[in-house]
C-alpha atoms as a PDB file:
ATOM      1  CA  MET A   1     -25.048  27.682 -17.354  1.00  0.00           C
ATOM      2  CA  LYS A   2     -24.043  24.019 -17.049  1.00  0.00           C
ATOM      3  CA  ARG A   3     -20.842  24.633 -19.012  1.00  0.00           C
ATOM      4  CA  ARG A   4     -19.890  27.547 -16.721  1.00  0.00           C
ATOM      5  CA  THR A   5     -20.413  25.391 -13.586  1.00  0.00           C
ATOM      6  CA  LEU A   6     -18.236  22.619 -15.025  1.00  0.00           C
ATOM      7  CA  ALA A   7     -15.545  25.131 -15.937  1.00  0.00           C
ATOM      8  CA  ARG A   8     -15.560  26.539 -12.384  1.00  0.00           C
ATOM      9  CA  LEU A   9     -15.344  23.049 -10.913  1.00  0.00           C
ATOM     10  CA  ALA A  10     -12.433  22.156 -13.211  1.00  0.00           C
ATOM     11  CA  LEU A  11     -10.652  25.398 -12.275  1.00  0.00           C
ATOM     12  CA  ALA A  12     -11.170  24.747  -8.545  1.00  0.00           C
ATOM     13  CA  LEU A  13      -9.836  21.191  -8.859  1.00  0.00           C
ATOM     14  CA  ALA A  14      -6.832  22.387 -10.869  1.00  0.00           C
ATOM     15  CA  ALA A  15      -6.079  25.066  -8.251  1.00  0.00           C
ATOM     16  CA  ALA A  16      -6.377  22.532  -5.420  1.00  0.00           C
ATOM     17  CA  THR A  17      -4.073  20.131  -7.250  1.00  0.00           C
ATOM     18  CA  THR A  18      -1.550  22.893  -7.907  1.00  0.00           C
ATOM     19  CA  LEU A  19      -1.605  24.039  -4.274  1.00  0.00           C
ATOM     20  CA  THR A  20      -1.225  20.465  -3.048  1.00  0.00           C
ATOM     21  CA  SER A  21       1.686  19.726  -5.378  1.00  0.00           C
ATOM     22  CA  CYS A  22       3.484  22.941  -4.371  1.00  0.00           C
ATOM     23  CA  ALA A  23       3.359  21.905  -0.717  1.00  0.00           C
ATOM     24  CA  ASN A  24       5.206  18.614  -1.286  1.00  0.00           C
ATOM     25  CA  VAL A  25       8.456  18.105   0.591  1.00  0.00           C
ATOM     26  CA  ASP A  26      11.249  16.032  -0.937  1.00  0.00           C
ATOM     27  CA  PRO A  27      12.267  13.158   1.399  1.00  0.00           C
ATOM     28  CA  LEU A  28      15.903  14.100   0.728  1.00  0.00           C
ATOM     29  CA  ALA A  29      15.308  17.207   2.874  1.00  0.00           C
ATOM     30  CA  TYR A  30      15.634  14.815   5.856  1.00  0.00           C
ATOM     31  CA  ARG A  31      18.805  12.999   4.754  1.00  0.00           C
ATOM     32  CA  ALA A  32      20.915  14.501   7.601  1.00  0.00           C
ATOM     33  CA  GLU A  33      18.360  13.652  10.319  1.00  0.00           C
ATOM     34  CA  ARG A  34      19.168  10.942  12.852  1.00  0.00           C
ATOM     35  CA  PRO A  35      18.567   8.198  13.745  1.00  0.00           C
ATOM     36  CA  VAL A  36      18.602   6.834  10.199  1.00  0.00           C
ATOM     37  CA  LEU A  37      15.476   4.853   9.306  1.00  0.00           C
ATOM     38  CA  ASP A  38      16.274   1.440   7.850  1.00  0.00           C
ATOM     39  CA  LEU A  39      12.893  -0.100   6.957  1.00  0.00           C
ATOM     40  CA  ARG A  40      14.307  -3.628   7.070  1.00  0.00           C
ATOM     41  CA  GLU A  41      15.583  -3.048  10.585  1.00  0.00           C
ATOM     42  CA  TYR A  42      12.573  -1.180  11.997  1.00  0.00           C
ATOM     43  CA  PHE A  43       9.907  -3.365  10.373  1.00  0.00           C
ATOM     44  CA  SER A  44      11.301  -6.614  11.686  1.00  0.00           C
ATOM     45  CA  GLY A  45       9.463  -8.498  14.414  1.00  0.00           C
ATOM     46  CA  THR A  46       6.299  -7.211  16.063  1.00  0.00           C
ATOM     47  CA  ILE A  47       5.271  -3.559  16.074  1.00  0.00           C
ATOM     48  CA  ASP A  48       2.279  -2.117  17.957  1.00  0.00           C
ATOM     49  CA  GLY A  49       0.452   0.959  16.680  1.00  0.00           C
ATOM     50  CA  TRP A  50      -2.224   3.390  17.858  1.00  0.00           C
ATOM     51  CA  GLY A  51      -3.938   5.818  15.534  1.00  0.00           C
ATOM     52  CA  MET A  52      -6.897   7.901  14.467  1.00  0.00           C
ATOM     53  CA  PHE A  53      -8.613   9.127  11.328  1.00  0.00           C
ATOM     54  CA  GLN A  54      -9.623  12.795  11.191  1.00  0.00           C
ATOM     55  CA  ASP A  55     -11.916  14.209   8.520  1.00  0.00           C
ATOM     56  CA  ARG A  56     -11.014  17.376   6.623  1.00  0.00           C
ATOM     57  CA  SER A  57     -12.455  19.560   9.407  1.00  0.00           C
ATOM     58  CA  GLY A  58     -10.120  17.927  11.949  1.00  0.00           C
ATOM     59  CA  ARG A  59     -12.815  15.957  13.752  1.00  0.00           C
ATOM     60  CA  VAL A  60     -11.710  12.494  14.880  1.00  0.00           C
ATOM     61  CA  GLN A  61     -13.996   9.995  13.160  1.00  0.00           C
ATOM     62  CA  ARG A  62     -12.410   6.688  14.180  1.00  0.00           C
ATOM     63  CA  ARG A  63      -9.574   5.410  16.330  1.00  0.00           C
ATOM     64  CA  PHE A  64      -7.712   2.129  15.961  1.00  0.00           C
ATOM     65  CA  THR A  65      -4.953  -0.147  17.152  1.00  0.00           C
ATOM     66  CA  VAL A  66      -2.776  -2.229  14.876  1.00  0.00           C
ATOM     67  CA  VAL A  67      -0.368  -5.101  15.414  1.00  0.00           C
ATOM     68  CA  ILE A  68       2.184  -5.601  12.632  1.00  0.00           C
ATOM     69  CA  ARG A  69       4.181  -8.784  12.237  1.00  0.00           C
ATOM     70  CA  ALA A  70       7.053  -7.991   9.903  1.00  0.00           C
ATOM     71  CA  GLU A  71       9.826 -10.015   8.326  1.00  0.00           C
ATOM     72  CA  TRP A  72      12.300  -9.703   5.485  1.00  0.00           C
ATOM     73  CA  GLN A  73      13.924 -12.177   3.157  1.00  0.00           C
ATOM     74  CA  GLY A  74      16.651 -10.343   1.315  1.00  0.00           C
ATOM     75  CA  ASP A  75      15.154  -7.227  -0.267  1.00  0.00           C
ATOM     76  CA  THR A  76      11.521  -8.388   0.095  1.00  0.00           C
ATOM     77  CA  GLY A  77       9.558  -7.634   3.243  1.00  0.00           C
ATOM     78  CA  THR A  78       6.122  -8.684   4.450  1.00  0.00           C
ATOM     79  CA  LEU A  79       4.110  -6.515   6.846  1.00  0.00           C
ATOM     80  CA  ASP A  80       1.100  -8.467   8.147  1.00  0.00           C
ATOM     81  CA  GLU A  81      -1.188  -5.851   9.755  1.00  0.00           C
ATOM     82  CA  ASP A  82      -4.200  -6.560  12.001  1.00  0.00           C
ATOM     83  CA  PHE A  83      -6.366  -3.509  12.773  1.00  0.00           C
ATOM     84  CA  VAL A  84      -9.071  -3.166  15.424  1.00  0.00           C
ATOM     85  CA  TRP A  85     -11.203  -0.024  14.984  1.00  0.00           C
ATOM     86  CA  SER A  86     -13.000   1.841  17.786  1.00  0.00           C
ATOM     87  CA  ASP A  87     -16.375   0.714  16.383  1.00  0.00           C
ATOM     88  CA  GLY A  88     -15.309  -2.954  16.637  1.00  0.00           C
ATOM     89  CA  GLU A  89     -14.495  -3.490  12.960  1.00  0.00           C
ATOM     90  CA  ARG A  90     -11.482  -5.718  12.321  1.00  0.00           C
ATOM     91  CA  GLN A  91      -9.361  -5.328   9.215  1.00  0.00           C
ATOM     92  CA  LYS A  92      -6.319  -7.103   7.810  1.00  0.00           C
ATOM     93  CA  ARG A  93      -3.784  -5.775   5.319  1.00  0.00           C
ATOM     94  CA  VAL A  94      -0.665  -7.562   4.133  1.00  0.00           C
ATOM     95  CA  TRP A  95       1.979  -5.416   2.463  1.00  0.00           C
ATOM     96  CA  THR A  96       4.738  -6.851   0.313  1.00  0.00           C
ATOM     97  CA  LEU A  97       7.623  -4.381   0.144  1.00  0.00           C
ATOM     98  CA  ARG A  98      10.570  -4.469  -2.192  1.00  0.00           C
ATOM     99  CA  ARG A  99      13.785  -2.530  -1.623  1.00  0.00           C
ATOM    100  CA  LEU A 100      15.121  -1.137  -4.897  1.00  0.00           C
ATOM    101  CA  GLY A 101      18.247   0.604  -3.584  1.00  0.00           C
ATOM    102  CA  ASP A 102      19.096   4.291  -3.166  1.00  0.00           C
ATOM    103  CA  GLY A 103      16.423   4.511  -0.449  1.00  0.00           C
ATOM    104  CA  ARG A 104      13.630   3.582  -2.880  1.00  0.00           C
ATOM    105  CA  TYR A 105      10.913   1.008  -2.212  1.00  0.00           C
ATOM    106  CA  THR A 106       7.803  -0.318  -3.907  1.00  0.00           C
ATOM    107  CA  GLY A 107       4.910  -2.069  -2.260  1.00  0.00           C
ATOM    108  CA  THR A 108       1.670  -3.879  -2.934  1.00  0.00           C
ATOM    109  CA  ALA A 109      -1.342  -4.897  -0.856  1.00  0.00           C
ATOM    110  CA  ALA A 110      -4.745  -6.297  -1.800  1.00  0.00           C
ATOM    111  CA  ASP A 111      -6.513  -2.941  -1.319  1.00  0.00           C
ATOM    112  CA  VAL A 112      -3.781  -0.824  -2.948  1.00  0.00           C
ATOM    113  CA  VAL A 113      -4.421   0.130  -6.566  1.00  0.00           C
ATOM    114  CA  GLY A 114      -1.280  -0.546  -8.579  1.00  0.00           C
ATOM    115  CA  GLU A 115       2.002  -0.157  -6.757  1.00  0.00           C
ATOM    116  CA  ALA A 116       3.015   2.110  -3.870  1.00  0.00           C
ATOM    117  CA  GLN A 117       6.191   4.143  -4.359  1.00  0.00           C
ATOM    118  CA  GLY A 118       8.403   5.138  -1.432  1.00  0.00           C
ATOM    119  CA  ARG A 119      11.649   6.874  -0.596  1.00  0.00           C
ATOM    120  CA  ALA A 120      13.640   6.831   2.646  1.00  0.00           C
ATOM    121  CA  ALA A 121      16.190   9.491   3.603  1.00  0.00           C
ATOM    122  CA  GLY A 122      17.627  10.160   7.055  1.00  0.00           C
ATOM    123  CA  ASN A 123      14.942   9.470   9.645  1.00  0.00           C
ATOM    124  CA  ALA A 124      12.037   9.847   7.176  1.00  0.00           C
ATOM    125  CA  PHE A 125      10.114   7.700   4.735  1.00  0.00           C
ATOM    126  CA  GLN A 126       7.531   8.987   2.255  1.00  0.00           C
ATOM    127  CA  TRP A 127       5.077   6.503   0.820  1.00  0.00           C
ATOM    128  CA  ARG A 128       2.587   7.382  -1.968  1.00  0.00           C
ATOM    129  CA  TYR A 129      -0.192   5.088  -3.077  1.00  0.00           C
ATOM    130  CA  THR A 130      -3.850   4.836  -4.043  1.00  0.00           C
ATOM    131  CA  MET A 131      -6.105   2.751  -1.847  1.00  0.00           C
ATOM    132  CA  ALA A 132      -9.456   1.203  -2.769  1.00  0.00           C
ATOM    133  CA  LEU A 133     -11.382   2.401   0.298  1.00  0.00           C
ATOM    134  CA  PRO A 134     -14.830   0.929   1.049  1.00  0.00           C
ATOM    135  CA  VAL A 135     -17.328   3.526   2.329  1.00  0.00           C
ATOM    136  CA  ASP A 136     -21.023   2.749   2.862  1.00  0.00           C
ATOM    137  CA  GLY A 137     -21.102  -0.118   0.367  1.00  0.00           C
ATOM    138  CA  ARG A 138     -19.126   1.714  -2.328  1.00  0.00           C
ATOM    139  CA  VAL A 139     -15.390   1.677  -3.101  1.00  0.00           C
ATOM    140  CA  PHE A 140     -13.489   4.907  -3.686  1.00  0.00           C
ATOM    141  CA  HIS A 141      -9.912   5.240  -4.930  1.00  0.00           C
ATOM    142  CA  VAL A 142      -8.209   7.599  -2.490  1.00  0.00           C
ATOM    143  CA  ASP A 143      -4.639   8.926  -2.766  1.00  0.00           C
ATOM    144  CA  PHE A 144      -2.351   8.725   0.279  1.00  0.00           C
ATOM    145  CA  ASP A 145       0.731  10.867   0.934  1.00  0.00           C
ATOM    146  CA  ASP A 146       2.123   8.919   3.865  1.00  0.00           C
ATOM    147  CA  TRP A 147       5.122  10.097   5.948  1.00  0.00           C
ATOM    148  CA  MET A 148       6.920   8.140   8.672  1.00  0.00           C
ATOM    149  CA  PHE A 149       9.541   9.644  11.019  1.00  0.00           C
ATOM    150  CA  LEU A 150      11.790   7.528  13.219  1.00  0.00           C
ATOM    151  CA  ILE A 151      12.044   9.081  16.682  1.00  0.00           C
ATOM    152  CA  ASP A 152      14.320   6.488  18.268  1.00  0.00           C
ATOM    153  CA  GLU A 153      15.071   2.789  17.768  1.00  0.00           C
ATOM    154  CA  ARG A 154      11.591   1.770  19.015  1.00  0.00           C
ATOM    155  CA  VAL A 155       9.226   4.704  18.242  1.00  0.00           C
ATOM    156  CA  MET A 156       8.051   5.992  14.876  1.00  0.00           C
ATOM    157  CA  LEU A 157       5.384   8.603  14.095  1.00  0.00           C
ATOM    158  CA  ASN A 158       3.266   8.407  10.954  1.00  0.00           C
ATOM    159  CA  ARG A 159       1.025  10.986   9.261  1.00  0.00           C
ATOM    160  CA  ALA A 160      -0.882  10.228   6.076  1.00  0.00           C
ATOM    161  CA  VAL A 161      -2.912  12.822   4.173  1.00  0.00           C
ATOM    162  CA  MET A 162      -5.792  11.403   2.134  1.00  0.00           C
ATOM    163  CA  SER A 163      -7.031  13.170  -1.001  1.00  0.00           C
ATOM    164  CA  LYS A 164      -9.181  12.659  -4.079  1.00  0.00           C
ATOM    165  CA  PHE A 165      -8.587  14.723  -7.255  1.00  0.00           C
ATOM    166  CA  GLY A 166      -6.123  16.814  -5.204  1.00  0.00           C
ATOM    167  CA  VAL A 167      -8.768  17.729  -2.614  1.00  0.00           C
ATOM    168  CA  ARG A 168      -7.805  16.881   0.981  1.00  0.00           C
ATOM    169  CA  LEU A 169     -10.289  14.470   2.573  1.00  0.00           C
ATOM    170  CA  GLY A 170      -8.632  13.912   5.941  1.00  0.00           C
ATOM    171  CA  GLU A 171      -5.617  12.393   7.603  1.00  0.00           C
ATOM    172  CA  VAL A 172      -4.457   9.399   9.570  1.00  0.00           C
ATOM    173  CA  THR A 173      -2.078   9.877  12.507  1.00  0.00           C
ATOM    174  CA  LEU A 174      -0.259   6.900  14.005  1.00  0.00           C
ATOM    175  CA  SER A 175       2.347   6.064  16.600  1.00  0.00           C
ATOM    176  CA  PHE A 176       4.341   2.830  16.263  1.00  0.00           C
ATOM    177  CA  THR A 177       6.379   1.097  18.950  1.00  0.00           C
ATOM    178  CA  ARG A 178       8.619  -1.892  18.231  1.00  0.00           C
ATOM    179  CA  ARG A 179       8.476  -4.645  20.782  1.00  0.00           C
ATOM    180  CA  PRO A 180      11.840  -5.404  22.393  1.00  0.00           C
END
């Protein structure tokens, strides 16, 4: 009986992973979209953001604001992010980004496991990474499929789907506005 339950669980996880991987869009599908997103240009100076986290049922669990102070030196960028959550929690994340060429980027942050991999094309940027996410005193490694779309020179929309073992846990939706 135990073996059959494990086999069913493995089959369900494999099916979820297969369905998730089939739904992936290649960032190059957006290469003709305008305005073109240049990460070094957009993430330069101060950017304000407003967002929310929704669980897998779509219920909003938390809202937040973020202020990002961003600067580049050559092909290396620093995004210093200060979050304030609707429950009063404050959080800081500092990303170090590296432009590799051909629209490709890598990135690291203290709570990112390993290295994030990204690709920009047209007005879009896809960012994939695993985050060490603290929940109720425990830390879970959660995968992010993070998409950013430049709307105009000041506004960008961001949607990140969170998953574990290919199973969708929820999503983060964000709006960024660059300060003039």
